[in-house]
Structures are given as C-alpha cells and as structure tokens.
Amino acid sequence: MRQVLFVVVSLSALAYASTASAQDAQQTCRPLQTTAAESMPSRARGRTASAAQVWTEANGAARQRPEREGFSSARYIYTYAPGALYELYANPSFISTILLEEGETLEDVAAGDTSRWQLSETTSEGAEGARTIVLVKPNATGLRTNIVLVTDRRTYLVEAVAHAGEAYSAQIAWCYPASVSDRSPLTSAGVINFEYRIRTTRGARPAWAPRRVFDDGRRTWIEFDDDTEAADLPPLFVITPEGAELTNYRIDGRRYVVDRVFDAAELRLGVRAPVVVRIERTTTTPPARRMRRGRP
C-alpha cells in the first residue's frame, strides 16, 4: 500500500477488501442536485453581498449530498461534474473509502486539515481491473475538512465531515456521464423521424422540458433548450410492458442520446412529488417507412 506523505497515523495495519461491482460502469447517471433559487449566490439575485457570503452560497449550491436512490449496497454513487462538491460522512470508529474509476491513476491528494485526518491510498484488483481506493479516517468527531484528489482524468472536490454514532460513508464512487464526440451519425443521417409528442403528465411544465425528440431508426435524441442547465436535466425512464425502466444515455451538449428507439418514455425529477414529462412516438409504422428526410 503506498502511503500519502501527510498521513499522521499509518493505516497499513488496517485490512481492507473491495468488492467493486462491474455494474457501476453501466449505471445511468442521476442528475446533479440543484439548490433552490433563494439559496443561490446573493449577487445573482441582485443583492449586495460580501465576498465571504458569495463564496459560502456558491459552495452550498455546488454541494452534492446523498439521496436514497443513489446507493448500490453500502456504496453511494455520485454523478460526476467538474466543480461539484461531494460530501463524505466520516467517523473516528470506521474507515470511509473513496473509489476511483477503473484504470484511473491518483496523481496527488491533499486535505485542509492534515493533523486530525488520516488518509491513505491502496489498490483493489478485481473483475473490473485495478481501481484506486483512498482511505479516510478522522481522529475525532465534530471535524470538517476538504479533500482534493487529482488524477490523470479529472479533479475531485470532497468535503469530509466527522460524525458521532454509527453513521458513516462506507464508500463513495462516481458515475461519469459520457460525452458524445462523434456527431457524424446525426449530421449525416438521410432520414430522421420527428413524430413524437411531448407532454407534462404530472406537475407544472418544467423549464427543462425537451423542445423536440427525433430518431434515426437506431438511436433517439432528446433535445433541450440551449439555456437548460446540465444540473437540471432529469433521468430517463423507458416505458416497457414490465413498467418504467431506468435507461442509459449519453450527453451531447443539450441532447440525450439513447442507443435505442422507444414507443414511450418519461423524464422524471423529484422523489415525493416528481414532475413527469412523457415522450410518445406518434407512429407505429416500421422505421424505414415512417422516417422523413430532414436534419435537426
């Protein structure tokens, strides 16, 4: 185990076994959490505010906290976005772990409070391949610090909070929304079907409701307005005879790219009273006959 240089108490004697699941790479990323308008930076609301207030409110707006639907066993899976702050709940009686992406190399790690927090690095070998794990442990309760992880792929901003009792983060990891770099399948398509109906079936029509949906017979694009924030985008559920199925997609600018054609799907945001926007294909003829020429 390679130790981070500023570790105060060695963790090499602590046994750790990782049972990372290969299903992580296939998980659909949930939308980032957003903060209500009244909690956003004061300057953006037109009020005069001190620099400290602006920083505090901006950090609060970027902070990501655990939600029930984000767990896979004891592992909590955040959606990664540059600049987001990810909470980790630590406990002096337990070790919390941070799991990086398969093949991702940790290049540097730093913490704000290096005297009362212990950090160490190890590697897990499994079916997924080698994965770096950062071990985190506070020396007491009531502590708070930030941890910055710099890898060969991205930078993670973690806020660690030490709690009493039995609550702690056994492991946090990330889902990484893929970015579509090759747009040629869309721009070179000769026939595109735009025959979809978009309607709000629960709640008021949200600002993130898509402006159009289209497919090329193999893939479906869901397009949002240009001013829609990425953090506001909801997860996608395809409606099947068995029920609603959380579906994988890629993000291409302000579009979702789904590697299938569906008859009905729903965009849902919220837990107790979700807003639901339903997408329905309005033709049932075979793809080759129902498409028309055009370019979005």
Protein backbone atom coordinates (compact mmCIF):
# COMPACT_ATOMS: atom_id res chain seq x y z
CA MET A 1 0.00 0.00 0.00
CA ARG A 2 1.54 3.37 -0.97
CA GLN A 3 1.02 5.89 1.84
CA VAL A 4 0.17 9.54 1.22
CA LEU A 5 3.03 11.55 2.76
CA PHE A 6 0.96 13.65 5.16
CA VAL A 7 -0.69 10.71 6.93
CA VAL A 8 -0.26 11.16 10.66
CA VAL A 9 -1.14 7.66 11.77
CA SER A 10 -0.26 4.77 9.45
CA LEU A 11 -3.19 2.80 8.12
CA SER A 12 -1.08 -0.02 6.75
CA ALA A 13 -2.24 -2.34 9.51
CA LEU A 14 -5.87 -1.83 8.62
CA ALA A 15 -7.24 -4.65 6.47
CA TYR A 16 -9.46 -3.67 3.58
CA ALA A 17 -11.15 -5.71 0.89
CA SER A 18 -13.05 -4.17 -2.01
CA THR A 19 -15.92 -5.95 -3.72
CA ALA A 20 -16.41 -3.42 -6.51
CA SER A 21 -19.23 -4.36 -8.87
CA ALA A 22 -18.77 -4.39 -12.64
CA GLN A 23 -22.27 -2.96 -12.94
CA ASP A 24 -21.03 0.52 -11.93
CA ALA A 25 -19.86 1.29 -15.45
CA GLN A 26 -23.34 0.51 -16.76
CA GLN A 27 -25.29 2.63 -14.30
CA THR A 28 -27.35 5.53 -15.55
CA CYS A 29 -26.12 8.77 -14.05
CA ARG A 30 -28.63 10.63 -11.94
CA PRO A 31 -28.98 14.40 -12.37
CA LEU A 32 -26.87 16.66 -10.20
CA GLN A 33 -28.62 18.16 -7.21
CA THR A 34 -29.58 21.81 -7.54
CA THR A 35 -30.27 24.41 -4.90
CA ALA A 36 -33.45 26.45 -4.74
CA ALA A 37 -33.23 29.99 -6.09
CA GLU A 38 -33.36 31.58 -2.63
CA SER A 39 -30.20 29.71 -1.66
CA MET A 40 -28.22 30.72 -4.73
CA PRO A 41 -25.45 33.36 -4.53
CA SER A 42 -26.86 36.69 -3.38
CA ARG A 43 -25.16 38.65 -6.13
CA ALA A 44 -27.04 36.62 -8.73
CA ARG A 45 -30.27 37.72 -7.03
CA GLY A 46 -29.34 41.38 -7.24
CA ARG A 47 -28.47 41.91 -3.54
CA THR A 48 -25.20 43.34 -2.31
CA ALA A 49 -23.21 40.64 -0.55
CA SER A 50 -19.75 40.24 0.90
CA ALA A 51 -17.20 38.06 -0.84
CA ALA A 52 -17.48 35.56 2.01
CA GLN A 53 -21.24 35.34 1.56
CA VAL A 54 -20.91 34.82 -2.16
CA TRP A 55 -18.34 32.03 -1.72
CA THR A 56 -20.38 30.37 1.01
CA GLU A 57 -23.57 30.44 -1.03
CA ALA A 58 -21.81 29.30 -4.21
CA ASN A 59 -20.28 26.34 -2.39
CA GLY A 60 -23.67 25.50 -0.96
CA ALA A 61 -25.18 25.49 -4.43
CA ALA A 62 -22.44 23.15 -5.69
CA ARG A 63 -22.64 20.74 -2.75
CA GLN A 64 -23.89 17.21 -3.52
CA ARG A 65 -25.45 15.21 -0.67
CA PRO A 66 -26.51 11.55 -0.56
CA GLU A 67 -30.02 10.56 -1.61
CA ARG A 68 -31.69 7.18 -1.05
CA GLU A 69 -31.76 6.24 -4.73
CA GLY A 70 -28.01 6.74 -5.10
CA PHE A 71 -26.95 3.66 -3.14
CA SER A 72 -25.64 0.37 -4.51
CA SER A 73 -25.38 -1.77 -1.37
CA ALA A 74 -23.22 0.32 1.00
CA ARG A 75 -21.61 2.27 -1.83
CA TYR A 76 -23.01 5.69 -2.67
CA ILE A 77 -22.65 6.70 -6.32
CA TYR A 78 -22.49 10.40 -7.12
CA THR A 79 -22.81 11.85 -10.61
CA TYR A 80 -19.51 13.48 -11.53
CA ALA A 81 -19.33 17.08 -12.71
CA PRO A 82 -16.32 19.43 -12.63
CA GLY A 83 -16.55 21.87 -9.74
CA ALA A 84 -19.18 19.98 -7.74
CA LEU A 85 -18.54 19.39 -4.02
CA TYR A 86 -19.17 15.84 -2.81
CA GLU A 87 -19.93 15.07 0.83
CA LEU A 88 -18.33 12.18 2.67
CA TYR A 89 -19.56 11.24 6.15
CA ALA A 90 -16.68 10.02 8.29
CA ASN A 91 -16.45 8.52 11.77
CA PRO A 92 -13.48 8.00 14.13
CA SER A 93 -14.56 4.39 14.65
CA PHE A 94 -14.74 3.50 10.96
CA ILE A 95 -12.79 3.87 7.74
CA SER A 96 -14.52 5.59 4.83
CA THR A 97 -13.33 4.90 1.31
CA ILE A 98 -13.28 6.80 -1.98
CA LEU A 99 -13.32 4.59 -5.08
CA LEU A 100 -11.95 5.94 -8.36
CA GLU A 101 -12.82 4.83 -11.87
CA GLU A 102 -11.30 1.68 -13.31
CA GLY A 103 -7.81 2.43 -14.62
CA GLU A 104 -7.78 5.94 -13.15
CA THR A 105 -4.44 6.91 -11.59
CA LEU A 106 -4.22 9.10 -8.49
CA GLU A 107 -1.53 11.71 -9.07
CA ASP A 108 -1.92 13.89 -5.98
CA VAL A 109 -4.07 14.17 -2.88
CA ALA A 110 -4.32 16.97 -0.32
CA ALA A 111 -6.50 17.85 2.65
CA GLY A 112 -7.19 21.07 4.50
CA ASP A 113 -6.66 19.54 7.95
CA THR A 114 -3.74 17.14 7.80
CA SER A 115 -3.19 16.88 11.55
CA ARG A 116 -6.57 15.43 12.54
CA TRP A 117 -7.42 13.43 9.44
CA GLN A 118 -5.70 10.28 8.23
CA LEU A 119 -5.57 9.48 4.52
CA SER A 120 -4.05 6.53 2.75
CA GLU A 121 -4.12 5.00 -0.71
CA THR A 122 -4.42 1.40 -1.83
CA THR A 123 -5.44 -0.52 -4.95
CA SER A 124 -8.20 -3.07 -5.46
CA GLU A 125 -7.79 -5.82 -8.05
CA GLY A 126 -10.99 -7.44 -9.28
CA ALA A 127 -13.07 -8.35 -12.28
CA GLU A 128 -13.20 -4.68 -13.22
CA GLY A 129 -9.42 -4.36 -13.21
CA ALA A 130 -7.30 -2.21 -10.92
CA ARG A 131 -9.09 0.58 -9.06
CA THR A 132 -7.55 3.10 -6.71
CA ILE A 133 -9.10 3.47 -3.26
CA VAL A 134 -8.45 6.36 -0.88
CA LEU A 135 -9.00 5.56 2.81
CA VAL A 136 -10.24 8.37 5.07
CA LYS A 137 -10.49 8.45 8.88
CA PRO A 138 -10.87 11.38 11.31
CA ASN A 139 -9.27 11.41 14.76
CA ALA A 140 -12.37 12.84 16.47
CA THR A 141 -15.99 13.82 15.87
CA GLY A 142 -17.06 17.34 15.04
CA LEU A 143 -14.31 17.82 12.47
CA ARG A 144 -14.69 19.11 8.95
CA THR A 145 -12.18 19.39 6.11
CA ASN A 146 -11.90 19.26 2.35
CA ILE A 147 -10.02 16.68 0.31
CA VAL A 148 -8.77 17.30 -3.23
CA LEU A 149 -7.98 14.30 -5.42
CA VAL A 150 -6.10 14.96 -8.65
CA THR A 151 -5.99 12.06 -11.11
CA ASP A 152 -4.89 11.56 -14.69
CA ARG A 153 -8.51 12.10 -15.76
CA ARG A 154 -10.16 14.66 -13.51
CA THR A 155 -10.16 16.52 -10.18
CA TYR A 156 -12.48 15.56 -7.31
CA LEU A 157 -13.55 18.03 -4.61
CA VAL A 158 -14.66 16.18 -1.47
CA GLU A 159 -15.95 17.64 1.79
CA ALA A 160 -15.42 15.28 4.72
CA VAL A 161 -17.48 15.68 7.89
CA ALA A 162 -16.81 13.66 11.06
CA HIS A 163 -19.95 12.47 12.85
CA ALA A 164 -20.62 10.58 16.07
CA GLY A 165 -22.74 7.44 16.28
CA GLU A 166 -22.81 4.77 13.59
CA ALA A 167 -23.44 6.91 10.50
CA TYR A 168 -20.55 6.97 8.04
CA SER A 169 -19.87 6.62 4.32
CA ALA A 170 -18.57 3.12 3.76
CA GLN A 171 -17.68 4.05 0.19
CA ILE A 172 -18.38 6.78 -2.33
CA ALA A 173 -17.82 6.46 -6.07
CA TRP A 174 -18.95 8.24 -9.22
CA CYS A 175 -20.99 7.73 -12.34
CA TYR A 176 -19.44 9.52 -15.31
CA PRO A 177 -21.80 10.92 -17.97
CA ALA A 178 -20.22 10.11 -21.33
CA SER A 179 -19.77 12.87 -23.83
CA VAL A 180 -20.52 12.21 -27.47
CA SER A 181 -17.57 13.37 -29.56
CA ASP A 182 -18.60 11.84 -32.86
CA ARG A 183 -21.68 13.62 -34.19
CA SER A 184 -21.45 12.26 -37.72
CA PRO A 185 -24.25 9.66 -37.31
CA LEU A 186 -26.69 12.52 -36.71
CA THR A 187 -25.43 15.08 -39.20
CA SER A 188 -25.02 12.55 -41.99
CA ALA A 189 -28.34 10.80 -41.46
CA GLY A 190 -30.52 10.91 -44.54
CA VAL A 191 -33.83 10.15 -42.83
CA ILE A 192 -34.89 11.36 -39.41
CA ASN A 193 -38.22 10.82 -37.66
CA PHE A 194 -39.58 13.78 -35.66
CA GLU A 195 -43.00 12.30 -34.96
CA TYR A 196 -43.02 12.46 -31.15
CA ARG A 197 -45.44 14.02 -28.70
CA ILE A 198 -44.09 15.71 -25.55
CA ARG A 199 -46.48 16.45 -22.69
CA THR A 200 -46.33 17.05 -18.95
CA THR A 201 -48.36 14.37 -17.17
CA ARG A 202 -47.62 15.36 -13.58
CA GLY A 203 -46.88 18.78 -12.12
CA ALA A 204 -46.43 22.07 -13.95
CA ARG A 205 -44.48 22.13 -17.20
CA PRO A 206 -40.83 22.38 -16.11
CA ALA A 207 -38.18 24.64 -17.62
CA TRP A 208 -36.20 21.54 -18.58
CA ALA A 209 -38.95 20.01 -20.74
CA PRO A 210 -37.38 18.96 -24.07
CA ARG A 211 -38.15 21.02 -27.13
CA ARG A 212 -38.08 18.10 -29.56
CA VAL A 213 -37.31 14.39 -29.90
CA PHE A 214 -36.20 12.52 -33.01
CA ASP A 215 -34.64 9.22 -34.06
CA ASP A 216 -32.80 7.67 -36.98
CA GLY A 217 -34.26 4.18 -36.57
CA ARG A 218 -31.47 3.03 -34.24
CA ARG A 219 -30.93 5.87 -31.80
CA THR A 220 -33.10 8.54 -30.23
CA TRP A 221 -32.12 12.13 -29.49
CA ILE A 222 -33.88 14.17 -26.80
CA GLU A 223 -33.08 17.85 -27.26
CA PHE A 224 -33.39 20.51 -24.55
CA ASP A 225 -33.36 24.30 -24.80
CA ASP A 226 -29.92 25.89 -25.02
CA ASP A 227 -30.35 27.70 -21.69
CA THR A 228 -31.16 24.49 -19.79
CA GLU A 229 -28.54 23.88 -17.11
CA ALA A 230 -26.92 20.45 -17.16
CA ALA A 231 -27.57 20.16 -13.43
CA ASP A 232 -31.32 20.47 -14.07
CA LEU A 233 -31.58 17.57 -16.51
CA PRO A 234 -33.68 14.63 -15.22
CA PRO A 235 -33.16 10.86 -15.53
CA LEU A 236 -34.87 8.98 -18.36
CA PHE A 237 -37.23 6.03 -17.95
CA VAL A 238 -38.33 3.96 -20.95
CA ILE A 239 -41.85 2.55 -20.55
CA THR A 240 -42.00 -1.21 -21.20
CA PRO A 241 -44.72 -3.83 -20.60
CA GLU A 242 -42.98 -4.59 -17.31
CA GLY A 243 -43.03 -0.96 -16.18
CA ALA A 244 -40.68 2.03 -16.18
CA GLU A 245 -37.06 1.11 -16.84
CA LEU A 246 -34.22 3.49 -15.93
CA THR A 247 -32.28 3.83 -19.17
CA ASN A 248 -28.69 4.61 -20.09
CA TYR A 249 -27.95 7.59 -22.29
CA ARG A 250 -25.06 9.77 -23.34
CA ILE A 251 -24.92 13.55 -23.16
CA ASP A 252 -24.12 15.56 -26.28
CA GLY A 253 -24.34 19.24 -25.44
CA ARG A 254 -28.02 19.80 -24.65
CA ARG A 255 -29.11 16.41 -26.01
CA TYR A 256 -29.57 12.96 -24.57
CA VAL A 257 -28.50 10.23 -26.99
CA VAL A 258 -30.25 6.90 -26.36
CA ASP A 259 -29.00 3.82 -28.21
CA ARG A 260 -32.49 2.54 -28.95
CA VAL A 261 -35.87 3.61 -30.33
CA PHE A 262 -38.78 3.51 -27.89
CA ASP A 263 -42.54 3.94 -28.09
CA ALA A 264 -42.85 5.81 -24.80
CA ALA A 265 -40.52 7.22 -22.17
CA GLU A 266 -40.68 9.59 -19.22
CA LEU A 267 -38.36 12.22 -17.81
CA ARG A 268 -38.84 12.36 -14.04
CA LEU A 269 -37.41 14.77 -11.49
CA GLY A 270 -38.19 14.68 -7.80
CA VAL A 271 -38.88 11.98 -5.22
CA ARG A 272 -42.03 12.64 -3.21
CA ALA A 273 -43.91 14.63 -5.86
CA PRO A 274 -41.94 14.17 -9.08
CA VAL A 275 -42.54 16.25 -12.16
CA VAL A 276 -43.10 13.90 -15.10
CA VAL A 277 -42.75 14.73 -18.80
CA ARG A 278 -43.89 11.94 -21.11
CA ILE A 279 -42.45 11.35 -24.58
CA GLU A 280 -44.51 9.27 -27.02
CA ARG A 281 -43.71 8.21 -30.55
CA THR A 282 -46.82 9.03 -32.55
CA THR A 283 -46.34 6.50 -35.34
CA THR A 284 -46.17 2.72 -35.21
CA THR A 285 -45.06 2.07 -38.80
CA PRO A 286 -41.68 0.44 -39.43
CA PRO A 287 -38.69 2.82 -39.14
CA ALA A 288 -37.78 2.70 -42.85
CA ARG A 289 -41.30 3.81 -43.84
CA ARG A 290 -42.11 6.20 -41.04
CA MET A 291 -38.99 8.35 -41.37
CA ARG A 292 -38.83 11.51 -43.37
CA ARG A 293 -35.87 13.37 -44.69
CA GLY A 294 -34.57 16.26 -42.70
CA ARG A 295 -31.83 17.49 -40.46
CA PRO A 296 -32.31 18.76 -36.92
